[in-house]
Amino acid sequence: MEINEQLIHIRQSLSGIGPEIFLALFFCFFLLSELLLMKWASKDKISGILHSIAIGGSAIALLLVLGQWRDEASFRFYPLLFLDTQAVFFKVLIIVAWMLTLIHVKVLKYDFPPEFNALLIATVAGLNLLTMSTHLLTIYLTLELISISSYILVSLSPLKKAAEGGLKYLLFGAASSAVMLYGISLIYGLTGTMDITSQALTAGLMNNSSLVITAAIVMTLGGLLFKLSLVPFHVWTPDVYESSPTPLVSFLSVAPKAAVVLVLMRLAGIFPSEYFPILGGIALISITVGNVAALWQSNARRLLAYSSIAQAGYLLVGIAAYSRFGFESAVFYTAAYLIINMAAFFMIDLLAPHSQTSLKDFEGLGRKAVWVSGALTVIMIALAGLPPTMGFTSKLLIFSSLWESYQQQNESWMLWLLIGGVLNAAIALAYYLRLPYLLFFKEIKSTGNIPTATGNLLSGLLTAIVLYLFFKPEWLMNWIASF
């Protein structure tokens, strides 16, 4: 490319990443805002003002992203970023998760420093860039941006447990990052390219032995598996979920997973056939470890931490099926999981706000806060994958896509994955229905909390969405199928 063509391409690329440029400027604004406002208002008032501005900023970011829906699919800074309707859809999911987190903080009156919003903006910007990444270098760099912001966010709490959780998060993140970087260097050495849209990458890998391909793929997946909380990069998850503030945990449990799922789907198009049994094996182990470990938990957030490990395994099943139906099912599952999981954390926090969320705290609260307890029961049923919720629809689609792929490809590992996934769905009932049991069938042992009208309204709205998409899943599936 000549210099003039390069300058034109850069200008066109900049105009195509408007939401990300806005988020970068918004991040800079928050870094300076506290210093500028200190002369005119108290620290508490500054926090409230900036939080309201953050909610407004998230709405603007959402409108900017929706404005990209009709843009022609094309590269930005070729071959580093690629914007298409898939990337826009996942960016919408990420910003919706951000908005729900900010609303959660507002309703429950959390007192976070202004830096919380700045770091959250940086994380969202990194996630948006990750959804567009089509080069192993940009995938790695955006993962690092997300990770560094997340480490600081987790450690912001003054509690000793938060520091411990943040340290574990950092150590495991650093290890997975180093493993991923080594895997990327192997792929570059074997193929001479890091462009995941290039056929040279696939051809270069196929010219090597199966052992070399498997080693390179597994190590490259290290950083992605860490963000998905999949085995063997899952150890940090329970400690971070237990020690961090609930709104932050709610965001970190879904938003990074959404971005990583799209990256894995892009990688599925270029990695050789050895890639899919590896994903299938990781998925089954993660589902089993998550479900079995959750059976013994006595803390609601730790229970949902192990649940998230299992749910990430189910996300991986759709990708391992390696079919268009499988990818569509994985996208539907991602959207469903985002809504359901954030609703679960929100309602748990409504019933036992700012607490350590021991399961004993929820005993008998169903008689005191009937509306939210009933809504939380529906959400737990959705996480278990039972009708009439979109959780059932998402699991049905995932298993159907895997069965269809098995019939077409006749790969025995797909059948074992299907059997293991169905059996694990039955095991999960034991701990998902534990919380509803404590709410309605135990005597009251704690004072609990009476949710506000706003909390009741939001709980009802989230539950209505979860129920509606069971009866009308085509509303979302038609949107996904149009990619």
Protein backbone atom coordinates (compact mmCIF):
# COMPACT_ATOMS: atom_id res chain seq x y z
CA MET A 1 0.00 0.00 0.00
CA GLU A 2 1.34 3.42 -0.93
CA ILE A 3 1.50 6.18 1.70
CA ASN A 4 -1.59 7.98 0.32
CA GLU A 5 -3.62 4.76 0.35
CA GLN A 6 -2.44 4.04 3.88
CA LEU A 7 -3.53 7.50 5.09
CA ILE A 8 -6.95 7.08 3.44
CA HIS A 9 -7.32 3.64 5.04
CA ILE A 10 -6.37 5.03 8.47
CA ARG A 11 -8.91 7.85 8.12
CA GLN A 12 -11.64 5.41 7.08
CA SER A 13 -10.68 3.05 9.92
CA LEU A 14 -10.90 5.84 12.50
CA SER A 15 -14.36 6.79 11.28
CA GLY A 16 -15.37 3.13 11.67
CA ILE A 17 -14.46 2.84 15.35
CA GLY A 18 -16.49 5.80 16.63
CA PRO A 19 -17.84 4.04 19.77
CA GLU A 20 -14.34 3.01 20.83
CA ILE A 21 -12.95 6.53 20.29
CA PHE A 22 -15.85 7.90 22.35
CA LEU A 23 -15.08 5.43 25.15
CA ALA A 24 -11.39 6.40 25.10
CA LEU A 25 -12.28 10.10 25.44
CA PHE A 26 -14.86 9.26 28.10
CA PHE A 27 -12.18 7.35 30.03
CA CYS A 28 -9.85 10.37 29.91
CA PHE A 29 -12.69 12.59 31.12
CA PHE A 30 -13.23 10.42 34.19
CA LEU A 31 -9.53 10.41 35.02
CA LEU A 32 -9.55 14.21 35.20
CA SER A 33 -13.08 14.82 36.45
CA GLU A 34 -12.51 14.20 40.16
CA LEU A 35 -9.63 16.69 40.22
CA LEU A 36 -11.69 19.32 38.39
CA LEU A 37 -14.79 18.88 40.56
CA MET A 38 -13.04 18.77 43.95
CA LYS A 39 -13.21 22.56 44.32
CA TRP A 40 -17.00 22.74 43.92
CA ALA A 41 -18.41 19.64 45.64
CA SER A 42 -17.74 17.04 48.32
CA LYS A 43 -16.34 13.62 47.45
CA ASP A 44 -19.69 11.85 47.96
CA LYS A 45 -21.50 14.34 45.75
CA ILE A 46 -18.82 14.03 43.07
CA SER A 47 -19.28 10.24 43.04
CA GLY A 48 -23.04 10.60 42.55
CA ILE A 49 -22.68 13.15 39.75
CA LEU A 50 -20.08 11.09 37.90
CA HIS A 51 -22.12 7.93 38.24
CA SER A 52 -25.10 9.64 36.61
CA ILE A 53 -22.79 10.87 33.83
CA ALA A 54 -21.54 7.29 33.39
CA ILE A 55 -25.10 6.05 32.87
CA GLY A 56 -25.64 8.78 30.27
CA GLY A 57 -22.35 7.88 28.60
CA SER A 58 -23.30 4.21 28.39
CA ALA A 59 -26.54 5.21 26.64
CA ILE A 60 -24.59 7.31 24.10
CA ALA A 61 -22.16 4.40 23.51
CA LEU A 62 -25.12 2.08 22.89
CA LEU A 63 -26.60 4.47 20.31
CA LEU A 64 -23.21 4.78 18.57
CA VAL A 65 -22.87 1.00 18.38
CA LEU A 66 -26.43 0.55 17.08
CA GLY A 67 -25.58 3.13 14.43
CA GLN A 68 -22.94 0.70 13.07
CA TRP A 69 -25.53 -2.04 12.40
CA ARG A 70 -26.01 -1.09 8.75
CA ASP A 71 -22.32 -0.41 8.07
CA GLU A 72 -20.78 -2.60 5.40
CA ALA A 73 -18.64 -5.40 6.84
CA SER A 74 -15.02 -4.34 6.39
CA PHE A 75 -11.58 -4.22 8.00
CA ARG A 76 -10.39 -1.43 10.26
CA PHE A 77 -6.59 -1.02 10.28
CA TYR A 78 -6.29 -4.10 8.08
CA PRO A 79 -5.84 -6.86 9.20
CA LEU A 80 -6.16 -5.95 12.88
CA LEU A 81 -9.89 -5.30 13.29
CA PHE A 82 -13.00 -6.39 11.39
CA LEU A 83 -16.44 -4.85 11.92
CA ASP A 84 -19.51 -6.86 10.92
CA THR A 85 -23.02 -7.40 12.31
CA GLN A 86 -21.73 -10.17 14.60
CA ALA A 87 -19.29 -7.77 16.24
CA VAL A 88 -22.01 -5.10 16.57
CA PHE A 89 -24.39 -7.59 18.24
CA PHE A 90 -21.78 -8.62 20.79
CA LYS A 91 -20.85 -4.99 21.43
CA VAL A 92 -24.53 -4.33 22.17
CA LEU A 93 -24.50 -7.21 24.68
CA ILE A 94 -21.39 -5.81 26.39
CA ILE A 95 -22.79 -2.28 26.68
CA VAL A 96 -26.13 -3.63 27.96
CA ALA A 97 -24.15 -5.50 30.65
CA TRP A 98 -22.35 -2.24 31.50
CA MET A 99 -25.65 -0.35 31.77
CA LEU A 100 -27.20 -3.03 34.00
CA THR A 101 -24.11 -2.88 36.24
CA LEU A 102 -24.40 0.89 36.60
CA ILE A 103 -28.13 0.59 37.38
CA HIS A 104 -27.33 -2.13 39.94
CA VAL A 105 -24.86 0.22 41.66
CA LYS A 106 -27.40 3.06 41.61
CA VAL A 107 -30.33 1.02 43.01
CA LEU A 108 -28.28 -0.60 45.79
CA LYS A 109 -26.50 2.69 46.60
CA TYR A 110 -22.94 1.37 46.40
CA ASP A 111 -20.28 3.94 47.26
CA PHE A 112 -17.52 3.38 44.71
CA PRO A 113 -14.72 5.89 44.04
CA PRO A 114 -14.83 7.70 40.65
CA GLU A 115 -11.97 5.45 39.49
CA PHE A 116 -14.48 2.56 39.43
CA ASN A 117 -16.35 4.12 36.50
CA ALA A 118 -13.14 5.02 34.66
CA LEU A 119 -11.84 1.45 34.90
CA LEU A 120 -15.22 0.05 33.88
CA ILE A 121 -15.14 2.27 30.77
CA ALA A 122 -11.61 0.99 29.94
CA THR A 123 -12.82 -2.60 30.32
CA VAL A 124 -15.81 -1.99 28.03
CA ALA A 125 -13.54 -0.35 25.42
CA GLY A 126 -11.22 -3.36 25.55
CA LEU A 127 -14.13 -5.78 25.19
CA ASN A 128 -15.51 -3.85 22.22
CA LEU A 129 -12.13 -3.99 20.50
CA LEU A 130 -11.84 -7.71 21.29
CA THR A 131 -15.11 -8.43 19.45
CA MET A 132 -13.56 -6.91 16.30
CA SER A 133 -10.09 -8.45 16.65
CA THR A 134 -8.99 -10.63 13.73
CA HIS A 135 -5.26 -10.70 14.46
CA LEU A 136 -3.56 -12.65 17.24
CA LEU A 137 -1.65 -9.52 18.29
CA THR A 138 -4.80 -7.41 18.73
CA ILE A 139 -6.53 -10.29 20.50
CA TYR A 140 -3.64 -10.47 22.97
CA LEU A 141 -3.38 -6.69 23.50
CA THR A 142 -7.12 -6.21 24.04
CA LEU A 143 -7.16 -9.13 26.48
CA GLU A 144 -4.37 -7.41 28.40
CA LEU A 145 -6.32 -4.13 28.50
CA ILE A 146 -9.37 -5.99 29.85
CA SER A 147 -7.29 -7.98 32.33
CA ILE A 148 -5.35 -5.04 33.81
CA SER A 149 -8.56 -3.03 34.27
CA SER A 150 -10.27 -6.05 35.85
CA TYR A 151 -7.38 -6.69 38.29
CA ILE A 152 -7.59 -3.13 39.59
CA LEU A 153 -11.40 -3.19 39.76
CA VAL A 154 -11.36 -6.38 41.84
CA SER A 155 -8.76 -4.90 44.23
CA LEU A 156 -10.58 -1.56 44.73
CA SER A 157 -12.59 -2.82 47.71
CA PRO A 158 -11.01 -2.05 51.12
CA LEU A 159 -11.78 -5.56 52.39
CA LYS A 160 -8.85 -7.92 53.02
CA LYS A 161 -10.59 -10.68 51.05
CA ALA A 162 -10.77 -8.43 47.98
CA ALA A 163 -6.98 -7.94 48.07
CA GLU A 164 -6.54 -11.72 48.30
CA GLY A 165 -8.96 -12.32 45.43
CA GLY A 166 -7.30 -9.61 43.34
CA LEU A 167 -3.85 -11.14 43.90
CA LYS A 168 -5.04 -14.61 42.83
CA TYR A 169 -6.74 -13.05 39.82
CA LEU A 170 -3.50 -11.27 38.88
CA LEU A 171 -1.25 -14.33 39.33
CA PHE A 172 -3.46 -16.69 37.34
CA GLY A 173 -4.05 -13.99 34.72
CA ALA A 174 -0.32 -13.39 34.31
CA ALA A 175 0.33 -17.13 33.97
CA SER A 176 -2.42 -17.61 31.36
CA SER A 177 -1.23 -14.50 29.49
CA ALA A 178 2.34 -15.83 29.34
CA VAL A 179 1.12 -19.23 28.12
CA MET A 180 -1.03 -17.57 25.46
CA LEU A 181 1.83 -15.39 24.24
CA TYR A 182 4.07 -18.44 23.90
CA GLY A 183 1.33 -20.21 21.92
CA ILE A 184 0.99 -17.19 19.61
CA SER A 185 4.76 -17.15 19.05
CA LEU A 186 4.60 -20.86 18.14
CA ILE A 187 1.81 -20.24 15.62
CA TYR A 188 3.74 -17.33 14.11
CA GLY A 189 6.87 -19.46 13.88
CA LEU A 190 4.96 -22.31 12.21
CA THR A 191 2.88 -20.22 9.80
CA GLY A 192 4.61 -16.86 9.34
CA THR A 193 1.37 -14.96 10.02
CA MET A 194 -0.85 -13.89 12.93
CA ASP A 195 -3.80 -12.88 10.74
CA ILE A 196 -6.63 -15.26 11.66
CA THR A 197 -8.47 -14.43 8.42
CA SER A 198 -5.53 -15.70 6.35
CA GLN A 199 -5.62 -19.19 4.85
CA ALA A 200 -1.82 -19.26 5.23
CA LEU A 201 -2.33 -19.74 8.97
CA THR A 202 -4.44 -22.89 8.48
CA ALA A 203 -2.12 -24.23 5.76
CA GLY A 204 0.96 -23.61 7.90
CA LEU A 205 -0.50 -25.46 10.88
CA MET A 206 -1.64 -28.41 8.72
CA ASN A 207 1.95 -28.94 7.53
CA ASN A 208 3.01 -29.91 11.06
CA SER A 209 2.42 -32.94 13.25
CA SER A 210 -0.77 -33.35 15.28
CA LEU A 211 1.16 -32.98 18.57
CA VAL A 212 2.66 -29.63 17.52
CA ILE A 213 -0.73 -28.33 16.33
CA THR A 214 -2.43 -29.38 19.58
CA ALA A 215 0.27 -27.80 21.75
CA ALA A 216 0.14 -24.52 19.82
CA ILE A 217 -3.67 -24.36 19.93
CA VAL A 218 -3.97 -25.23 23.64
CA MET A 219 -1.39 -22.62 24.66
CA THR A 220 -2.95 -19.95 22.43
CA LEU A 221 -6.31 -20.64 24.03
CA GLY A 222 -4.83 -20.01 27.50
CA GLY A 223 -5.81 -16.35 27.79
CA LEU A 224 -9.25 -16.95 26.30
CA LEU A 225 -9.99 -19.86 28.65
CA PHE A 226 -8.96 -17.67 31.58
CA LYS A 227 -11.57 -15.05 30.64
CA LEU A 228 -14.20 -17.76 30.25
CA SER A 229 -13.28 -19.24 33.68
CA LEU A 230 -12.78 -22.65 32.09
CA VAL A 231 -10.72 -25.53 33.49
CA PRO A 232 -7.75 -25.42 34.13
CA PHE A 233 -7.82 -21.60 34.33
CA HIS A 234 -10.80 -21.45 36.70
CA VAL A 235 -9.17 -21.48 40.15
CA TRP A 236 -9.38 -17.70 40.65
CA THR A 237 -13.13 -17.52 40.01
CA PRO A 238 -14.69 -18.52 43.39
CA ASP A 239 -12.37 -16.27 45.44
CA VAL A 240 -12.88 -13.24 43.20
CA TYR A 241 -16.67 -13.73 43.09
CA GLU A 242 -16.87 -14.08 46.86
CA SER A 243 -14.65 -11.13 47.78
CA SER A 244 -15.61 -8.50 45.18
CA PRO A 245 -18.68 -6.21 45.27
CA THR A 246 -21.72 -7.92 43.71
CA PRO A 247 -22.27 -5.41 40.82
CA LEU A 248 -18.68 -5.87 39.67
CA VAL A 249 -18.90 -9.65 39.92
CA SER A 250 -22.13 -9.51 37.92
CA PHE A 251 -20.37 -7.63 35.10
CA LEU A 252 -17.21 -9.76 35.08
CA SER A 253 -19.26 -12.96 35.03
CA VAL A 254 -20.84 -12.19 31.65
CA ALA A 255 -19.25 -9.36 29.61
CA PRO A 256 -15.77 -10.93 29.03
CA LYS A 257 -17.42 -14.24 28.14
CA ALA A 258 -19.51 -12.57 25.44
CA ALA A 259 -16.45 -11.07 23.72
CA VAL A 260 -14.38 -14.26 23.99
CA VAL A 261 -17.15 -16.43 22.51
CA LEU A 262 -17.00 -14.39 19.30
CA VAL A 263 -13.20 -14.70 19.15
CA LEU A 264 -13.47 -18.48 19.56
CA MET A 265 -16.02 -18.61 16.74
CA ARG A 266 -13.66 -16.64 14.49
CA LEU A 267 -10.80 -19.00 15.37
CA ALA A 268 -13.06 -21.97 14.54
CA GLY A 269 -13.02 -20.90 10.92
CA ILE A 270 -9.25 -21.23 10.53
CA PHE A 271 -7.96 -23.74 13.08
CA PRO A 272 -7.65 -27.36 11.88
CA SER A 273 -9.91 -30.25 12.99
CA GLU A 274 -7.78 -30.97 16.10
CA TYR A 275 -9.23 -27.75 17.56
CA PHE A 276 -12.75 -29.12 18.11
CA PRO A 277 -12.14 -32.27 20.22
CA ILE A 278 -9.93 -30.08 22.46
CA LEU A 279 -12.82 -27.61 22.91
CA GLY A 280 -15.24 -30.48 23.51
CA GLY A 281 -12.99 -32.03 26.19
CA ILE A 282 -12.45 -28.68 27.96
CA ALA A 283 -16.21 -28.03 27.83
CA LEU A 284 -17.17 -31.38 29.42
CA ILE A 285 -14.50 -31.15 32.16
CA SER A 286 -15.52 -27.56 32.97
CA ILE A 287 -19.24 -28.43 33.12
CA THR A 288 -18.55 -31.38 35.44
CA VAL A 289 -16.09 -29.56 37.72
CA GLY A 290 -18.37 -26.51 37.99
CA ASN A 291 -21.51 -28.50 38.79
CA VAL A 292 -19.91 -30.92 41.26
CA ALA A 293 -18.04 -28.18 43.15
CA ALA A 294 -21.21 -26.03 43.36
CA LEU A 295 -23.01 -28.79 45.29
CA TRP A 296 -20.89 -28.12 48.40
CA GLN A 297 -21.03 -24.33 48.51
CA SER A 298 -22.51 -22.39 51.43
CA ASN A 299 -22.12 -18.93 49.86
CA ALA A 300 -24.45 -17.67 47.11
CA ARG A 301 -21.71 -15.87 45.16
CA ARG A 302 -19.34 -18.85 45.31
CA LEU A 303 -22.23 -21.04 44.15
CA LEU A 304 -22.77 -18.74 41.16
CA ALA A 305 -18.99 -18.73 40.54
CA TYR A 306 -18.96 -22.50 40.04
CA SER A 307 -22.20 -22.17 38.10
CA SER A 308 -20.44 -19.74 35.73
CA ILE A 309 -17.67 -22.30 35.11
CA ALA A 310 -20.30 -24.86 34.12
CA GLN A 311 -22.26 -22.35 32.03
CA ALA A 312 -19.08 -21.36 30.15
CA GLY A 313 -18.64 -25.05 29.35
CA TYR A 314 -22.10 -25.10 27.77
CA LEU A 315 -21.17 -22.00 25.74
CA LEU A 316 -18.21 -23.93 24.39
CA VAL A 317 -20.41 -26.87 23.34
CA GLY A 318 -22.07 -24.79 20.61
CA ILE A 319 -18.68 -23.79 19.20
CA ALA A 320 -17.36 -27.37 19.41
CA ALA A 321 -20.36 -28.52 17.34
CA TYR A 322 -18.77 -26.58 14.44
CA SER A 323 -21.86 -25.81 12.39
CA ARG A 324 -23.82 -22.68 11.58
CA PHE A 325 -26.62 -23.92 13.84
CA GLY A 326 -24.06 -24.52 16.60
CA PHE A 327 -22.68 -20.98 16.32
CA GLU A 328 -26.18 -19.48 16.33
CA SER A 329 -27.03 -21.55 19.40
CA ALA A 330 -23.86 -20.35 21.15
CA VAL A 331 -24.78 -16.72 20.42
CA PHE A 332 -28.33 -17.25 21.74
CA TYR A 333 -26.91 -18.97 24.83
CA THR A 334 -24.54 -16.02 25.40
CA ALA A 335 -27.38 -13.48 25.25
CA ALA A 336 -29.61 -15.63 27.49
CA TYR A 337 -26.84 -16.23 30.03
CA LEU A 338 -26.00 -12.51 30.18
CA ILE A 339 -29.58 -11.56 31.10
CA ILE A 340 -30.19 -14.47 33.48
CA ASN A 341 -26.89 -14.27 35.37
CA MET A 342 -27.00 -10.50 35.84
CA ALA A 343 -30.60 -10.84 37.06
CA ALA A 344 -29.50 -13.51 39.57
CA PHE A 345 -26.76 -11.32 41.06
CA PHE A 346 -29.05 -8.28 41.15
CA MET A 347 -31.83 -10.09 43.02
CA ILE A 348 -29.45 -11.78 45.46
CA ASP A 349 -28.07 -8.33 46.25
CA LEU A 350 -31.60 -6.93 46.66
CA LEU A 351 -32.42 -9.56 49.28
CA ALA A 352 -29.07 -9.38 51.13
CA PRO A 353 -27.42 -6.08 50.10
CA HIS A 354 -23.72 -5.40 50.73
CA SER A 355 -23.41 -8.73 52.60
CA GLN A 356 -21.16 -11.78 52.31
CA THR A 357 -24.21 -13.58 50.82
CA SER A 358 -24.05 -16.70 52.97
CA LEU A 359 -26.90 -19.03 51.99
CA LYS A 360 -28.14 -18.90 55.59
CA ASP A 361 -28.93 -15.20 55.06
CA PHE A 362 -31.70 -16.15 52.60
CA GLU A 363 -33.61 -18.54 54.85
CA GLY A 364 -37.28 -17.61 55.03
CA LEU A 365 -36.93 -14.34 53.09
CA GLY A 366 -39.52 -15.58 50.59
CA ARG A 367 -42.24 -14.70 53.09
CA LYS A 368 -40.89 -11.20 53.62
CA ALA A 369 -39.95 -10.19 50.06
CA VAL A 370 -42.36 -12.32 48.04
CA TRP A 371 -42.03 -10.51 44.70
CA VAL A 372 -38.22 -10.55 44.44
CA SER A 373 -37.98 -14.07 45.92
CA GLY A 374 -40.46 -15.33 43.34
CA ALA A 375 -38.53 -13.60 40.56
CA LEU A 376 -35.25 -15.07 41.85
CA THR A 377 -36.86 -18.53 41.83
CA VAL A 378 -37.73 -18.09 38.14
CA ILE A 379 -34.14 -16.97 37.45
CA MET A 380 -32.64 -20.00 39.24
CA ILE A 381 -35.00 -22.26 37.25
CA ALA A 382 -33.68 -20.53 34.10
CA LEU A 383 -30.05 -21.18 35.14
CA ALA A 384 -30.96 -24.83 35.68
CA GLY A 385 -32.37 -24.93 32.14
CA LEU A 386 -35.99 -25.74 32.95
CA PRO A 387 -39.12 -24.48 31.16
CA PRO A 388 -40.82 -22.03 30.87
CA THR A 389 -37.65 -19.91 30.67
CA MET A 390 -35.17 -18.92 27.99
CA GLY A 391 -32.60 -20.98 29.92
CA PHE A 392 -34.41 -24.11 28.72
CA THR A 393 -34.51 -22.83 25.14
CA SER A 394 -30.79 -22.03 25.14
CA LYS A 395 -29.79 -25.48 26.44
CA LEU A 396 -32.20 -27.18 24.01
CA LEU A 397 -30.62 -25.31 21.09
CA ILE A 398 -27.08 -26.15 22.25
CA PHE A 399 -27.80 -29.87 22.61
CA SER A 400 -29.78 -29.95 19.34
CA SER A 401 -26.87 -28.41 17.44
CA LEU A 402 -24.46 -30.94 18.95
CA TRP A 403 -26.77 -33.85 18.05
CA GLU A 404 -27.12 -32.57 14.50
CA SER A 405 -23.33 -32.28 14.15
CA TYR A 406 -22.90 -35.81 15.53
CA GLN A 407 -25.32 -37.21 12.95
CA GLN A 408 -23.49 -35.40 10.13
CA GLN A 409 -19.89 -36.03 11.22
CA ASN A 410 -20.28 -39.25 13.27
CA GLU A 411 -17.56 -38.20 15.73
CA SER A 412 -17.77 -40.33 18.90
CA TRP A 413 -16.50 -37.53 21.16
CA MET A 414 -19.58 -35.46 20.23
CA LEU A 415 -21.87 -38.22 21.53
CA TRP A 416 -19.96 -38.43 24.81
CA LEU A 417 -20.10 -34.66 25.15
CA LEU A 418 -23.86 -34.73 24.57
CA ILE A 419 -24.43 -37.47 27.17
CA GLY A 420 -22.16 -35.74 29.69
CA GLY A 421 -23.86 -32.38 29.14
CA VAL A 422 -27.37 -33.79 29.66
CA LEU A 423 -26.34 -35.69 32.82
CA ASN A 424 -24.70 -32.56 34.21
CA ALA A 425 -27.86 -30.55 33.56
CA ALA A 426 -29.66 -33.01 35.87
CA ILE A 427 -26.92 -32.71 38.56
CA ALA A 428 -27.21 -28.91 38.45
CA LEU A 429 -30.82 -29.03 39.64
CA ALA A 430 -29.60 -29.99 43.13
CA TYR A 431 -27.87 -26.66 43.74
CA TYR A 432 -29.88 -24.30 41.55
CA LEU A 433 -33.10 -25.16 43.38
CA ARG A 434 -31.40 -24.90 46.77
CA LEU A 435 -31.85 -21.13 46.96
CA PRO A 436 -35.64 -21.23 46.24
CA TYR A 437 -35.93 -23.98 48.87
CA LEU A 438 -34.21 -21.79 51.49
CA LEU A 439 -36.33 -18.78 50.57
CA PHE A 440 -39.72 -20.46 50.89
CA PHE A 441 -39.35 -23.60 53.02
CA LYS A 442 -37.14 -22.42 55.91
CA GLU A 443 -37.92 -20.33 58.96
CA ILE A 444 -36.71 -16.71 58.97
CA LYS A 445 -33.29 -16.48 60.65
CA SER A 446 -32.20 -13.01 59.56
CA THR A 447 -33.82 -9.61 59.18
CA GLY A 448 -32.98 -9.49 55.47
CA ASN A 449 -33.96 -6.50 53.38
CA ILE A 450 -37.22 -5.18 51.94
CA PRO A 451 -36.46 -4.26 48.30
CA THR A 452 -37.42 -0.80 47.07
CA ALA A 453 -40.11 -0.22 44.43
CA THR A 454 -37.37 0.34 41.83
CA GLY A 455 -35.76 -2.98 42.76
CA ASN A 456 -39.11 -4.76 42.47
CA LEU A 457 -39.80 -3.15 39.10
CA LEU A 458 -36.39 -4.11 37.64
CA SER A 459 -36.71 -7.66 39.00
CA GLY A 460 -40.10 -8.00 37.35
CA LEU A 461 -38.81 -6.60 34.05
CA LEU A 462 -35.80 -8.96 33.91
CA THR A 463 -37.99 -11.95 34.81
CA ALA A 464 -40.51 -10.98 32.11
CA ILE A 465 -37.70 -10.96 29.48
CA VAL A 466 -36.53 -14.41 30.62
CA LEU A 467 -40.09 -15.79 30.33
CA TYR A 468 -40.94 -13.96 27.09
CA LEU A 469 -37.94 -15.36 25.20
CA PHE A 470 -39.07 -18.89 26.07
CA PHE A 471 -42.38 -18.34 24.27
CA LYS A 472 -40.91 -16.14 21.52
CA PRO A 473 -37.26 -17.27 20.99
CA GLU A 474 -37.56 -16.49 17.28
CA TRP A 475 -37.43 -12.78 18.11
CA LEU A 476 -33.77 -13.21 19.08
CA MET A 477 -32.93 -16.17 16.80
CA ASN A 478 -34.10 -14.33 13.66
CA TRP A 479 -31.82 -11.45 14.59
CA ILE A 480 -28.90 -13.84 15.13
CA ALA A 481 -29.63 -15.77 11.91
CA SER A 482 -29.35 -12.53 9.91
CA PHE A 483 -25.60 -12.25 10.60
